[in-house]
């Protein structure tokens, strides 16, 4: 399911990838972030819903680094990264997005969607990994144009931009035991984002009866 995200919000985590090096450590120097509507990240879709993308990763010294860029026709190639993947150890790269706001895009920003992940079909200009001991460079120069593929692209979520997003929280002070008669089973609070009020016309709750039939009567 698509997830709501507030217009104008910054550094929103939208996807995360794991890298594993088997025989030697690798320096990842170049990655390409793509906006693709669904499936494998091979078809870039231009969008003005995202004003900037960023990747976070650790370098050879274990220090967290951040590299930013802007999408052009749905693609942003980030170079000079210095991300390090130690041999036999996992390393992670996180993709973040700055969301466009109403002042820059207009009222049409509400309802725009995006889905950011790492480009799946890469060339020498979109991906580069260098072995730390062998100095071997892995990109499209070795085995054709599709040497770097990323697994499970279907697990990357789609986000829908909204001018304001409600936050739901469980109410406190609810009873933990039932008595004969009317009982307050559940309560919640709804808070709108500071960008504007929200309204909703329907709220669905699922209530399950216990093993003993007839314990739960009318629900309102």
N, C-alpha and C. Protein backbone atom coordinates (compact mmCIF):
# COMPACT_ATOMS: atom_id res chain seq x y z
N UNK A 1 0.83 -1.19 0.00
CA UNK A 1 0.00 0.00 0.00
C UNK A 1 0.88 1.25 0.00
N UNK A 2 0.39 2.29 -0.68
CA UNK A 2 1.10 3.55 -0.70
C UNK A 2 1.04 4.21 0.68
N UNK A 3 2.10 4.91 1.03
CA UNK A 3 2.17 5.59 2.32
C UNK A 3 2.12 7.09 2.11
N UNK A 4 1.39 7.80 2.99
CA UNK A 4 1.29 9.25 2.90
C UNK A 4 2.55 9.91 3.42
N UNK A 5 2.89 11.04 2.82
CA UNK A 5 4.05 11.81 3.25
C UNK A 5 3.72 13.29 3.08
N UNK A 6 4.18 14.13 3.99
CA UNK A 6 3.76 15.53 4.03
C UNK A 6 4.57 16.39 3.06
N UNK A 7 3.87 17.23 2.30
CA UNK A 7 4.55 18.17 1.40
C UNK A 7 5.46 19.09 2.19
N UNK A 8 6.66 19.33 1.66
CA UNK A 8 7.61 20.22 2.31
C UNK A 8 8.47 19.57 3.36
N UNK A 9 8.24 18.30 3.68
CA UNK A 9 9.06 17.61 4.69
C UNK A 9 10.42 17.26 4.10
N UNK A 10 11.43 17.15 4.95
CA UNK A 10 12.80 16.94 4.49
C UNK A 10 13.39 15.67 5.09
N UNK A 11 14.36 15.12 4.38
CA UNK A 11 15.12 13.94 4.81
C UNK A 11 14.19 12.82 5.29
N UNK A 12 13.27 12.44 4.42
CA UNK A 12 12.35 11.36 4.71
C UNK A 12 12.92 10.05 4.17
N UNK A 13 13.13 9.07 5.05
CA UNK A 13 13.66 7.77 4.64
C UNK A 13 12.63 7.04 3.78
N UNK A 14 13.00 6.70 2.54
CA UNK A 14 12.04 6.08 1.63
C UNK A 14 12.46 4.68 1.17
N UNK A 15 13.73 4.31 1.32
CA UNK A 15 14.14 2.95 0.99
C UNK A 15 15.53 2.69 1.58
N UNK A 16 15.86 1.39 1.68
CA UNK A 16 17.14 0.99 2.28
C UNK A 16 17.64 -0.27 1.60
N UNK A 17 18.94 -0.31 1.30
CA UNK A 17 19.54 -1.45 0.61
C UNK A 17 20.71 -2.01 1.41
N UNK A 18 20.90 -3.32 1.29
CA UNK A 18 22.01 -4.00 1.95
C UNK A 18 23.03 -4.45 0.90
N UNK A 19 24.29 -4.19 1.17
CA UNK A 19 25.38 -4.65 0.32
C UNK A 19 26.22 -5.65 1.11
N UNK A 20 26.65 -6.72 0.44
CA UNK A 20 27.50 -7.73 1.07
C UNK A 20 28.71 -8.00 0.18
N UNK A 21 29.91 -7.91 0.74
CA UNK A 21 31.14 -8.23 0.03
C UNK A 21 31.64 -9.59 0.50
N UNK A 22 31.94 -10.51 -0.41
CA UNK A 22 32.28 -11.88 -0.03
C UNK A 22 33.77 -12.10 0.16
N UNK A 23 34.60 -11.75 -0.80
CA UNK A 23 36.02 -12.13 -0.76
C UNK A 23 36.96 -10.98 -0.40
N UNK A 24 36.52 -9.77 -0.58
CA UNK A 24 37.32 -8.61 -0.23
C UNK A 24 36.39 -7.43 0.00
N UNK A 25 36.90 -6.41 0.66
CA UNK A 25 36.12 -5.21 0.86
C UNK A 25 35.96 -4.44 -0.45
N UNK A 26 34.90 -3.66 -0.53
CA UNK A 26 34.65 -2.87 -1.73
C UNK A 26 34.31 -1.43 -1.37
N UNK A 27 34.81 -0.54 -2.19
CA UNK A 27 34.42 0.87 -2.12
C UNK A 27 33.38 1.13 -3.21
N UNK A 28 32.19 1.55 -2.79
CA UNK A 28 31.14 1.91 -3.74
C UNK A 28 31.27 3.41 -3.99
N UNK A 29 31.67 3.76 -5.20
CA UNK A 29 31.93 5.16 -5.52
C UNK A 29 30.80 5.84 -6.27
N UNK A 30 29.92 5.06 -6.85
CA UNK A 30 28.87 5.66 -7.67
C UNK A 30 27.60 4.83 -7.58
N UNK A 31 26.46 5.50 -7.33
CA UNK A 31 25.15 4.87 -7.30
C UNK A 31 24.16 5.77 -8.04
N UNK A 32 23.10 5.16 -8.54
CA UNK A 32 22.07 5.94 -9.23
C UNK A 32 20.71 5.67 -8.60
N UNK A 33 20.07 6.74 -8.16
CA UNK A 33 18.73 6.67 -7.58
C UNK A 33 17.71 6.96 -8.69
N UNK A 34 16.66 6.13 -8.74
CA UNK A 34 15.66 6.26 -9.79
C UNK A 34 14.26 6.30 -9.20
N UNK A 35 13.40 7.08 -9.83
CA UNK A 35 11.97 7.06 -9.52
C UNK A 35 11.29 6.17 -10.55
N UNK A 36 10.74 5.06 -10.08
CA UNK A 36 10.07 4.09 -10.95
C UNK A 36 8.73 3.75 -10.31
N UNK A 37 7.68 3.72 -11.10
CA UNK A 37 6.34 3.57 -10.55
C UNK A 37 6.12 2.21 -9.90
N UNK A 38 6.69 1.15 -10.45
CA UNK A 38 6.45 -0.20 -9.90
C UNK A 38 7.51 -1.15 -10.42
N UNK A 39 7.71 -2.25 -9.66
CA UNK A 39 8.58 -3.32 -10.12
C UNK A 39 10.06 -2.97 -10.09
N UNK A 40 10.81 -3.55 -11.01
CA UNK A 40 12.25 -3.36 -11.09
C UNK A 40 12.56 -1.92 -11.52
N UNK A 41 13.61 -1.35 -10.96
CA UNK A 41 13.95 0.05 -11.24
C UNK A 41 14.74 0.16 -12.53
N UNK A 42 14.00 0.07 -13.64
CA UNK A 42 14.60 0.18 -14.96
C UNK A 42 13.94 1.26 -15.82
N UNK A 43 12.76 1.75 -15.40
CA UNK A 43 12.03 2.74 -16.19
C UNK A 43 11.86 4.01 -15.36
N UNK A 44 12.66 5.02 -15.68
CA UNK A 44 12.61 6.26 -14.91
C UNK A 44 11.35 7.05 -15.24
N UNK A 45 10.76 7.63 -14.20
CA UNK A 45 9.57 8.46 -14.35
C UNK A 45 9.87 9.83 -13.76
N UNK A 46 9.76 10.86 -14.58
CA UNK A 46 10.01 12.21 -14.10
C UNK A 46 8.96 12.61 -13.07
N UNK A 47 9.38 13.33 -12.03
CA UNK A 47 8.46 13.78 -11.00
C UNK A 47 8.93 15.10 -10.42
N UNK A 48 7.98 15.98 -10.08
CA UNK A 48 8.33 17.20 -9.35
C UNK A 48 7.90 17.10 -7.89
N UNK A 49 7.53 15.88 -7.46
CA UNK A 49 7.15 15.68 -6.06
C UNK A 49 8.35 15.68 -5.13
N UNK A 50 9.54 15.39 -5.68
CA UNK A 50 10.76 15.30 -4.88
C UNK A 50 11.71 16.42 -5.31
N UNK A 51 12.10 17.26 -4.36
CA UNK A 51 12.99 18.37 -4.68
C UNK A 51 14.46 17.98 -4.61
N UNK A 52 14.78 16.97 -3.78
CA UNK A 52 16.16 16.52 -3.64
C UNK A 52 16.19 15.11 -3.08
N UNK A 53 17.19 14.34 -3.48
CA UNK A 53 17.40 13.01 -2.90
C UNK A 53 18.74 13.00 -2.18
N UNK A 54 18.87 12.07 -1.23
CA UNK A 54 20.13 11.93 -0.49
C UNK A 54 20.35 10.45 -0.19
N UNK A 55 21.60 10.06 -0.11
CA UNK A 55 21.94 8.71 0.35
C UNK A 55 22.84 8.84 1.58
N UNK A 56 22.62 7.96 2.56
CA UNK A 56 23.44 7.90 3.76
C UNK A 56 24.12 6.53 3.80
N UNK A 57 25.39 6.51 4.21
CA UNK A 57 26.19 5.29 4.22
C UNK A 57 27.41 5.53 5.11
N UNK A 58 28.16 4.47 5.38
CA UNK A 58 29.39 4.62 6.16
C UNK A 58 30.60 4.46 5.25
N UNK A 59 31.65 5.21 5.57
CA UNK A 59 32.89 5.11 4.80
C UNK A 59 33.85 4.10 5.44
N UNK A 60 35.08 4.04 4.96
CA UNK A 60 36.05 3.07 5.44
C UNK A 60 36.36 3.23 6.93
N UNK A 61 36.18 4.41 7.47
CA UNK A 61 36.44 4.67 8.88
C UNK A 61 35.20 4.49 9.75
N UNK A 62 34.13 4.01 9.16
CA UNK A 62 32.90 3.81 9.91
C UNK A 62 32.14 5.08 10.20
N UNK A 63 32.48 6.16 9.51
CA UNK A 63 31.83 7.45 9.71
C UNK A 63 30.64 7.57 8.76
N UNK A 64 29.50 8.00 9.29
CA UNK A 64 28.32 8.17 8.46
C UNK A 64 28.50 9.36 7.53
N UNK A 65 28.22 9.13 6.24
CA UNK A 65 28.34 10.18 5.23
C UNK A 65 27.00 10.39 4.54
N UNK A 66 26.81 11.57 3.99
CA UNK A 66 25.59 11.91 3.26
C UNK A 66 25.97 12.56 1.94
N UNK A 67 25.34 12.11 0.87
CA UNK A 67 25.55 12.70 -0.45
C UNK A 67 24.18 13.04 -1.03
N UNK A 68 24.05 14.26 -1.58
CA UNK A 68 22.76 14.71 -2.10
C UNK A 68 22.82 14.95 -3.60
N UNK A 69 21.65 14.97 -4.22
CA UNK A 69 21.54 15.25 -5.64
C UNK A 69 20.10 15.53 -6.00
N UNK A 70 19.88 15.94 -7.22
CA UNK A 70 18.53 16.25 -7.70
C UNK A 70 18.17 15.32 -8.84
N UNK A 71 16.90 14.94 -8.89
CA UNK A 71 16.42 14.08 -9.96
C UNK A 71 16.34 14.87 -11.27
N UNK A 72 16.79 14.25 -12.35
CA UNK A 72 16.63 14.79 -13.68
C UNK A 72 15.95 13.73 -14.53
N UNK A 73 14.72 14.00 -14.94
CA UNK A 73 13.93 13.00 -15.65
C UNK A 73 13.82 11.71 -14.86
N UNK A 74 13.72 11.85 -13.55
CA UNK A 74 13.50 10.69 -12.68
C UNK A 74 14.76 9.97 -12.24
N UNK A 75 15.95 10.52 -12.52
CA UNK A 75 17.21 9.83 -12.20
C UNK A 75 18.20 10.81 -11.57
N UNK A 76 18.93 10.33 -10.56
CA UNK A 76 20.03 11.11 -9.97
C UNK A 76 21.21 10.19 -9.75
N UNK A 77 22.33 10.44 -10.42
CA UNK A 77 23.56 9.67 -10.22
C UNK A 77 24.46 10.41 -9.24
N UNK A 78 24.84 9.72 -8.17
CA UNK A 78 25.66 10.30 -7.12
C UNK A 78 27.05 9.69 -7.18
N UNK A 79 28.06 10.52 -7.38
CA UNK A 79 29.44 10.05 -7.57
C UNK A 79 30.33 10.50 -6.42
N UNK A 80 31.53 9.90 -6.34
CA UNK A 80 32.49 10.26 -5.32
C UNK A 80 32.04 9.90 -3.92
N UNK A 81 31.36 8.76 -3.78
CA UNK A 81 30.75 8.41 -2.50
C UNK A 81 31.77 7.94 -1.46
N UNK A 82 32.56 6.93 -1.80
CA UNK A 82 33.46 6.36 -0.80
C UNK A 82 32.76 5.50 0.22
N UNK A 83 31.62 4.92 -0.15
CA UNK A 83 30.95 3.96 0.73
C UNK A 83 31.78 2.69 0.82
N UNK A 84 31.95 2.15 2.02
CA UNK A 84 32.80 0.98 2.18
C UNK A 84 31.99 -0.22 2.67
N UNK A 85 32.21 -1.36 1.99
CA UNK A 85 31.58 -2.63 2.37
C UNK A 85 32.69 -3.60 2.77
N UNK A 86 32.89 -3.87 4.07
CA UNK A 86 33.96 -4.77 4.50
C UNK A 86 33.70 -6.21 4.03
N UNK A 87 34.75 -6.96 3.82
CA UNK A 87 34.62 -8.36 3.41
C UNK A 87 33.88 -9.16 4.48
N UNK A 88 32.90 -9.94 4.04
CA UNK A 88 32.15 -10.79 4.95
C UNK A 88 31.20 -10.05 5.87
N UNK A 89 30.96 -8.78 5.61
CA UNK A 89 30.11 -7.96 6.47
C UNK A 89 29.11 -7.19 5.63
N UNK A 90 27.92 -6.99 6.18
CA UNK A 90 26.92 -6.20 5.48
C UNK A 90 27.14 -4.72 5.71
N UNK A 91 26.82 -3.93 4.70
CA UNK A 91 26.78 -2.47 4.81
C UNK A 91 25.47 -2.00 4.18
N UNK A 92 24.98 -0.89 4.65
CA UNK A 92 23.67 -0.42 4.22
C UNK A 92 23.76 0.98 3.64
N UNK A 93 22.91 1.21 2.65
CA UNK A 93 22.73 2.56 2.11
C UNK A 93 21.26 2.91 2.24
N UNK A 94 20.99 4.08 2.77
CA UNK A 94 19.62 4.56 2.95
C UNK A 94 19.36 5.69 1.97
N UNK A 95 18.16 5.68 1.39
CA UNK A 95 17.76 6.72 0.43
C UNK A 95 16.73 7.62 1.10
N UNK A 96 16.98 8.91 1.05
CA UNK A 96 16.09 9.90 1.65
C UNK A 96 15.57 10.84 0.56
N UNK A 97 14.44 11.48 0.86
CA UNK A 97 13.85 12.42 -0.09
C UNK A 97 13.43 13.69 0.63
N UNK A 98 13.69 14.84 0.00
CA UNK A 98 13.08 16.10 0.39
C UNK A 98 11.86 16.30 -0.49
N UNK A 99 10.73 16.55 0.12
CA UNK A 99 9.47 16.61 -0.61
C UNK A 99 9.16 18.05 -1.01
N UNK A 100 8.73 18.23 -2.24
CA UNK A 100 8.36 19.56 -2.72
C UNK A 100 7.19 20.10 -1.91
N UNK A 101 7.09 21.41 -1.81
CA UNK A 101 5.99 22.00 -1.06
C UNK A 101 5.01 22.71 -1.98
N UNK A 102 3.90 23.12 -1.40
CA UNK A 102 2.83 23.75 -2.17
C UNK A 102 3.28 25.07 -2.78
N UNK A 103 4.17 25.79 -2.09
CA UNK A 103 4.62 27.08 -2.58
C UNK A 103 5.36 26.96 -3.91
N UNK A 104 6.07 25.84 -4.11
CA UNK A 104 6.85 25.65 -5.33
C UNK A 104 6.10 24.93 -6.44
N UNK A 105 5.24 24.00 -6.06
CA UNK A 105 4.55 23.18 -7.06
C UNK A 105 3.10 23.59 -7.24
N UNK A 106 2.48 24.15 -6.19
CA UNK A 106 1.08 24.52 -6.27
C UNK A 106 0.18 23.48 -5.64
N UNK A 107 -1.13 23.72 -5.75
CA UNK A 107 -2.11 22.82 -5.14
C UNK A 107 -2.02 21.40 -5.68
N UNK A 108 -1.48 21.26 -6.89
CA UNK A 108 -1.41 19.94 -7.52
C UNK A 108 -0.44 19.00 -6.83
N UNK A 109 0.35 19.50 -5.87
CA UNK A 109 1.30 18.63 -5.17
C UNK A 109 0.57 17.52 -4.43
N UNK A 110 -0.63 17.81 -3.94
CA UNK A 110 -1.38 16.80 -3.20
C UNK A 110 -1.83 15.69 -4.14
N UNK A 111 -1.48 14.47 -3.80
CA UNK A 111 -1.85 13.31 -4.62
C UNK A 111 -0.75 12.82 -5.53
N UNK A 112 0.32 13.59 -5.67
CA UNK A 112 1.45 13.12 -6.49
C UNK A 112 2.16 11.99 -5.76
N UNK A 113 2.61 10.98 -6.50
CA UNK A 113 3.31 9.87 -5.86
C UNK A 113 4.71 9.69 -6.43
N UNK A 114 5.52 8.97 -5.68
CA UNK A 114 6.88 8.66 -6.12
C UNK A 114 7.33 7.38 -5.44
N UNK A 115 8.37 6.76 -6.01
CA UNK A 115 8.93 5.51 -5.48
C UNK A 115 10.41 5.50 -5.85
N UNK A 116 11.26 5.69 -4.87
CA UNK A 116 12.69 5.84 -5.12
C UNK A 116 13.47 4.60 -4.72
N UNK A 117 14.33 4.14 -5.61
CA UNK A 117 15.20 3.00 -5.33
C UNK A 117 16.45 3.10 -6.17
N UNK A 118 17.32 2.10 -6.07
CA UNK A 118 18.56 2.08 -6.84
C UNK A 118 18.31 1.52 -8.23
N UNK A 119 18.82 2.21 -9.23
CA UNK A 119 18.67 1.78 -10.61
C UNK A 119 19.18 0.36 -10.77
N UNK A 120 18.40 -0.48 -11.46
CA UNK A 120 18.72 -1.91 -11.54
C UNK A 120 19.64 -2.25 -12.71
N UNK A 121 19.41 -1.68 -13.87
CA UNK A 121 20.25 -1.95 -15.03
C UNK A 121 21.26 -0.82 -15.16
N UNK A 122 22.54 -1.13 -14.88
CA UNK A 122 23.54 -0.08 -14.77
C UNK A 122 24.59 -0.15 -15.86
N UNK A 123 25.23 0.99 -16.08
CA UNK A 123 26.35 1.10 -17.00
C UNK A 123 27.53 1.72 -16.27
N UNK A 124 28.62 1.91 -16.97
CA UNK A 124 29.82 2.49 -16.36
C UNK A 124 29.54 3.88 -15.81
N UNK A 125 28.54 4.56 -16.34
CA UNK A 125 28.25 5.93 -15.91
C UNK A 125 27.28 5.99 -14.74
N UNK A 126 26.71 4.83 -14.32
CA UNK A 126 25.69 4.86 -13.27
C UNK A 126 26.05 4.05 -12.03
N UNK A 127 27.10 3.22 -12.09
CA UNK A 127 27.50 2.43 -10.93
C UNK A 127 28.99 2.14 -10.99
N UNK A 128 29.64 2.15 -9.80
CA UNK A 128 31.05 1.77 -9.74
C UNK A 128 31.37 1.23 -8.36
N UNK A 129 32.01 0.04 -8.33
CA UNK A 129 32.51 -0.56 -7.09
C UNK A 129 33.95 -1.01 -7.34
N UNK A 130 34.86 -0.70 -6.39
CA UNK A 130 36.27 -1.01 -6.56
C UNK A 130 36.72 -1.88 -5.40
N UNK A 131 37.34 -3.02 -5.70
CA UNK A 131 37.86 -3.91 -4.68
C UNK A 131 39.00 -3.26 -3.91
N UNK A 132 38.96 -3.34 -2.58
CA UNK A 132 39.95 -2.62 -1.76
C UNK A 132 41.33 -3.25 -1.83
N UNK A 133 41.45 -4.55 -2.10
CA UNK A 133 42.77 -5.20 -2.21
C UNK A 133 43.17 -5.50 -3.65
N UNK A 134 42.20 -5.86 -4.50
CA UNK A 134 42.51 -6.19 -5.89
C UNK A 134 42.50 -4.98 -6.81
N UNK A 135 41.85 -3.91 -6.37
CA UNK A 135 41.65 -2.70 -7.18
C UNK A 135 40.82 -2.97 -8.43
N UNK A 136 40.15 -4.13 -8.45
CA UNK A 136 39.27 -4.45 -9.58
C UNK A 136 38.05 -3.53 -9.55
N UNK A 137 37.71 -2.99 -10.70
CA UNK A 137 36.55 -2.11 -10.82
C UNK A 137 35.39 -2.87 -11.44
N UNK A 138 34.28 -2.85 -10.77
CA UNK A 138 33.10 -3.55 -11.27
C UNK A 138 32.06 -2.53 -11.72
N UNK A 139 31.78 -2.62 -13.02
CA UNK A 139 30.70 -1.85 -13.63
C UNK A 139 30.45 -2.46 -15.00
N UNK A 140 29.90 -1.73 -15.91
CA UNK A 140 29.50 -2.32 -17.19
C UNK A 140 30.66 -2.67 -18.10
N UNK A 141 31.88 -2.34 -17.75
CA UNK A 141 33.00 -2.63 -18.64
C UNK A 141 33.40 -4.09 -18.64
N UNK A 142 32.91 -4.88 -17.66
CA UNK A 142 33.33 -6.28 -17.59
C UNK A 142 32.40 -7.24 -18.34
N UNK A 143 31.11 -7.16 -18.01
CA UNK A 143 30.20 -8.19 -18.52
C UNK A 143 28.96 -7.54 -19.13
N UNK A 144 29.15 -6.67 -20.09
CA UNK A 144 28.00 -6.07 -20.73
C UNK A 144 27.39 -4.96 -19.90
N UNK A 145 26.17 -4.61 -20.21
CA UNK A 145 25.57 -3.42 -19.61
C UNK A 145 24.73 -3.71 -18.39
N UNK A 146 24.58 -4.97 -18.02
CA UNK A 146 23.70 -5.28 -16.89
C UNK A 146 24.44 -6.18 -15.90
N UNK A 147 25.41 -5.62 -15.21
CA UNK A 147 26.20 -6.43 -14.28
C UNK A 147 25.84 -6.19 -12.84
N UNK A 148 25.06 -5.16 -12.56
CA UNK A 148 24.69 -4.84 -11.18
C UNK A 148 23.18 -4.82 -11.07
N UNK A 149 22.63 -5.85 -10.41
CA UNK A 149 21.18 -5.93 -10.21
C UNK A 149 20.91 -5.96 -8.71
N UNK A 150 19.84 -5.32 -8.29
CA UNK A 150 19.49 -5.23 -6.88
C UNK A 150 18.25 -6.06 -6.62
N UNK A 151 18.31 -6.93 -5.58
CA UNK A 151 17.23 -7.85 -5.28
C UNK A 151 16.07 -7.17 -4.58
N UNK A 152 14.89 -7.79 -4.69
CA UNK A 152 13.68 -7.39 -3.98
C UNK A 152 13.25 -5.95 -4.21
N UNK A 153 13.24 -5.48 -5.45
CA UNK A 153 12.78 -4.11 -5.67
C UNK A 153 11.31 -3.93 -5.33
N UNK A 154 10.55 -5.03 -5.32
CA UNK A 154 9.13 -4.94 -5.00
C UNK A 154 8.86 -4.54 -3.56
N UNK A 155 9.88 -4.62 -2.70
CA UNK A 155 9.69 -4.25 -1.30
C UNK A 155 9.83 -2.75 -1.07
N UNK A 156 10.17 -2.00 -2.11
CA UNK A 156 10.28 -0.54 -1.99
C UNK A 156 8.89 0.08 -2.07
N UNK A 157 8.57 0.93 -1.10
CA UNK A 157 7.23 1.50 -1.01
C UNK A 157 7.02 2.68 -1.94
N UNK A 158 5.76 2.85 -2.34
CA UNK A 158 5.31 4.05 -3.03
C UNK A 158 4.82 5.04 -1.98
N UNK A 159 5.13 6.32 -2.17
CA UNK A 159 4.69 7.37 -1.27
C UNK A 159 3.79 8.35 -2.01
N UNK A 160 2.76 8.81 -1.33
CA UNK A 160 1.83 9.79 -1.89
C UNK A 160 1.95 11.08 -1.08
N UNK A 161 2.18 12.19 -1.77
CA UNK A 161 2.35 13.47 -1.11
C UNK A 161 0.99 14.06 -0.75
N UNK A 162 0.87 14.53 0.49
CA UNK A 162 -0.35 15.20 0.96
C UNK A 162 0.03 16.54 1.57
N UNK A 163 -0.87 17.52 1.45
CA UNK A 163 -0.61 18.83 2.06
C UNK A 163 -0.59 18.73 3.58
N UNK A 164 -1.34 17.81 4.13
CA UNK A 164 -1.33 17.58 5.57
C UNK A 164 -1.68 16.12 5.81
N UNK A 165 -1.10 15.53 6.84
CA UNK A 165 -1.30 14.11 7.12
C UNK A 165 -1.72 13.96 8.58
N UNK A 166 -2.80 13.22 8.86
CA UNK A 166 -3.21 13.02 10.25
C UNK A 166 -2.33 12.00 10.96
N UNK A 167 -2.16 12.20 12.26
CA UNK A 167 -1.45 11.25 13.11
C UNK A 167 -2.42 10.70 14.14
N UNK A 168 -2.52 9.38 14.20
CA UNK A 168 -3.43 8.71 15.13
C UNK A 168 -2.65 8.18 16.32
N UNK A 169 -3.21 8.33 17.50
CA UNK A 169 -2.58 7.82 18.72
C UNK A 169 -3.65 7.21 19.62
N UNK A 170 -3.31 6.12 20.27
CA UNK A 170 -4.24 5.46 21.19
C UNK A 170 -4.46 6.33 22.42
N UNK A 171 -5.73 6.46 22.83
CA UNK A 171 -6.06 7.25 24.00
C UNK A 171 -5.63 6.52 25.27
N UNK A 172 -5.32 7.27 26.30
CA UNK A 172 -4.92 6.68 27.59
C UNK A 172 -6.14 6.53 28.50
N UNK A 173 -5.94 5.80 29.60
CA UNK A 173 -6.99 5.67 30.60
C UNK A 173 -8.10 4.70 30.25
N UNK A 174 -7.85 3.79 29.31
CA UNK A 174 -8.89 2.84 28.92
C UNK A 174 -8.95 1.69 29.92
N UNK A 175 -10.15 1.15 30.10
CA UNK A 175 -10.33 0.04 31.04
C UNK A 175 -9.67 -1.22 30.51
N UNK A 176 -9.10 -2.01 31.42
CA UNK A 176 -8.46 -3.27 31.05
C UNK A 176 -9.33 -4.48 31.40
N UNK A 177 -10.48 -4.24 31.99
CA UNK A 177 -11.39 -5.34 32.33
C UNK A 177 -12.82 -4.93 31.98
N UNK A 178 -13.65 -5.90 31.72
CA UNK A 178 -15.04 -5.65 31.31
C UNK A 178 -15.99 -5.85 32.48
N UNK A 179 -17.01 -5.00 32.50
CA UNK A 179 -18.08 -5.16 33.49
C UNK A 179 -19.39 -5.23 32.74
N UNK A 180 -20.43 -5.67 33.41
CA UNK A 180 -21.75 -5.73 32.78
C UNK A 180 -22.20 -4.32 32.41
N UNK A 181 -22.73 -4.16 31.21
CA UNK A 181 -23.16 -2.85 30.75
C UNK A 181 -22.22 -2.29 29.72
N UNK A 182 -22.22 -0.98 29.59
CA UNK A 182 -21.42 -0.33 28.57
C UNK A 182 -19.97 -0.16 29.02
N UNK A 183 -19.02 -0.52 28.14
CA UNK A 183 -17.60 -0.41 28.40
C UNK A 183 -16.92 0.40 27.29
N UNK A 184 -15.98 1.22 27.68
CA UNK A 184 -15.19 1.96 26.70
C UNK A 184 -14.01 1.08 26.31
N UNK A 185 -14.07 0.51 25.11
CA UNK A 185 -13.06 -0.46 24.68
C UNK A 185 -11.84 0.19 24.06
N UNK A 186 -12.07 1.25 23.33
CA UNK A 186 -10.96 1.82 22.56
C UNK A 186 -11.22 3.30 22.34
N UNK A 187 -10.16 4.08 22.33
CA UNK A 187 -10.24 5.50 22.03
C UNK A 187 -8.98 5.95 21.34
N UNK A 188 -9.07 7.00 20.56
CA UNK A 188 -7.89 7.51 19.88
C UNK A 188 -7.98 9.02 19.73
N UNK A 189 -6.82 9.61 19.51
CA UNK A 189 -6.75 11.03 19.21
C UNK A 189 -6.22 11.19 17.79
N UNK A 190 -6.67 12.24 17.12
CA UNK A 190 -6.24 12.53 15.75
C UNK A 190 -5.65 13.92 15.73
N UNK A 191 -4.41 14.02 15.26
CA UNK A 191 -3.71 15.31 15.20
C UNK A 191 -3.33 15.60 13.76
N UNK A 192 -3.66 16.81 13.29
CA UNK A 192 -3.30 17.21 11.94
C UNK A 192 -1.91 17.81 11.92
N UNK A 193 -1.24 17.69 10.78
CA UNK A 193 0.04 18.34 10.61
C UNK A 193 -0.14 19.86 10.67
N UNK A 194 0.91 20.57 11.00
CA UNK A 194 0.82 22.02 11.14
C UNK A 194 0.51 22.74 9.83
N UNK A 195 0.65 22.04 8.70
CA UNK A 195 0.40 22.67 7.41
C UNK A 195 -1.07 22.88 7.11
N UNK A 196 -1.96 22.19 7.82
CA UNK A 196 -3.38 22.40 7.55
C UNK A 196 -4.25 21.38 8.24
N UNK A 197 -5.55 21.70 8.29
CA UNK A 197 -6.52 20.80 8.91
C UNK A 197 -6.80 19.60 8.02
N UNK A 198 -7.27 18.52 8.62
CA UNK A 198 -7.66 17.33 7.87
C UNK A 198 -9.06 16.92 8.32
N UNK A 199 -9.72 16.19 7.46
CA UNK A 199 -11.03 15.64 7.81
C UNK A 199 -11.15 14.26 7.21
N UNK A 200 -11.94 13.39 7.82
CA UNK A 200 -12.18 12.07 7.25
C UNK A 200 -13.63 11.70 7.49
N UNK A 201 -14.17 10.97 6.54
CA UNK A 201 -15.59 10.65 6.58
C UNK A 201 -15.91 9.29 7.15
N UNK A 202 -14.90 8.42 7.28
CA UNK A 202 -15.17 7.07 7.77
C UNK A 202 -13.96 6.53 8.50
N UNK A 203 -14.21 5.81 9.56
CA UNK A 203 -13.16 5.16 10.33
C UNK A 203 -13.58 3.71 10.56
N UNK A 204 -12.78 2.76 10.12
CA UNK A 204 -13.11 1.34 10.23
C UNK A 204 -12.34 0.70 11.36
N UNK A 205 -13.04 -0.01 12.25
CA UNK A 205 -12.43 -0.74 13.33
C UNK A 205 -12.85 -2.20 13.26
N UNK A 206 -11.96 -3.10 13.56
CA UNK A 206 -12.27 -4.53 13.58
C UNK A 206 -12.36 -4.99 15.04
N UNK A 207 -13.49 -5.56 15.42
CA UNK A 207 -13.72 -6.03 16.78
C UNK A 207 -14.02 -7.52 16.73
N UNK A 208 -13.28 -8.32 17.52
CA UNK A 208 -13.49 -9.77 17.55
C UNK A 208 -14.12 -10.17 18.88
N UNK A 209 -15.13 -11.02 18.82
CA UNK A 209 -15.77 -11.53 20.03
C UNK A 209 -14.90 -12.61 20.66
N UNK A 210 -15.07 -12.84 21.96
CA UNK A 210 -14.33 -13.88 22.66
C UNK A 210 -14.88 -15.26 22.37
N UNK A 211 -14.26 -16.26 23.00
CA UNK A 211 -14.68 -17.65 22.78
C UNK A 211 -16.10 -17.90 23.27
N UNK A 212 -16.48 -17.21 24.33
CA UNK A 212 -17.84 -17.39 24.88
C UNK A 212 -18.82 -16.51 24.13
N UNK A 213 -19.73 -17.13 23.38
CA UNK A 213 -20.68 -16.39 22.58
C UNK A 213 -21.58 -15.55 23.46
N UNK A 214 -21.89 -14.34 22.96
CA UNK A 214 -22.81 -13.48 23.67
C UNK A 214 -22.14 -12.51 24.63
N UNK A 215 -20.82 -12.56 24.80
CA UNK A 215 -20.15 -11.61 25.70
C UNK A 215 -20.23 -10.19 25.14
N UNK A 216 -20.03 -10.08 23.83
CA UNK A 216 -20.03 -8.77 23.19
C UNK A 216 -21.39 -8.52 22.55
N UNK A 217 -22.02 -7.43 22.94
CA UNK A 217 -23.31 -7.09 22.38
C UNK A 217 -23.19 -6.03 21.31
N UNK A 218 -23.85 -4.90 21.49
CA UNK A 218 -23.85 -3.82 20.51
C UNK A 218 -22.56 -3.01 20.62
N UNK A 219 -21.99 -2.68 19.46
CA UNK A 219 -20.80 -1.85 19.39
C UNK A 219 -21.17 -0.51 18.78
N UNK A 220 -20.78 0.56 19.41
CA UNK A 220 -21.09 1.89 18.86
C UNK A 220 -19.88 2.80 18.99
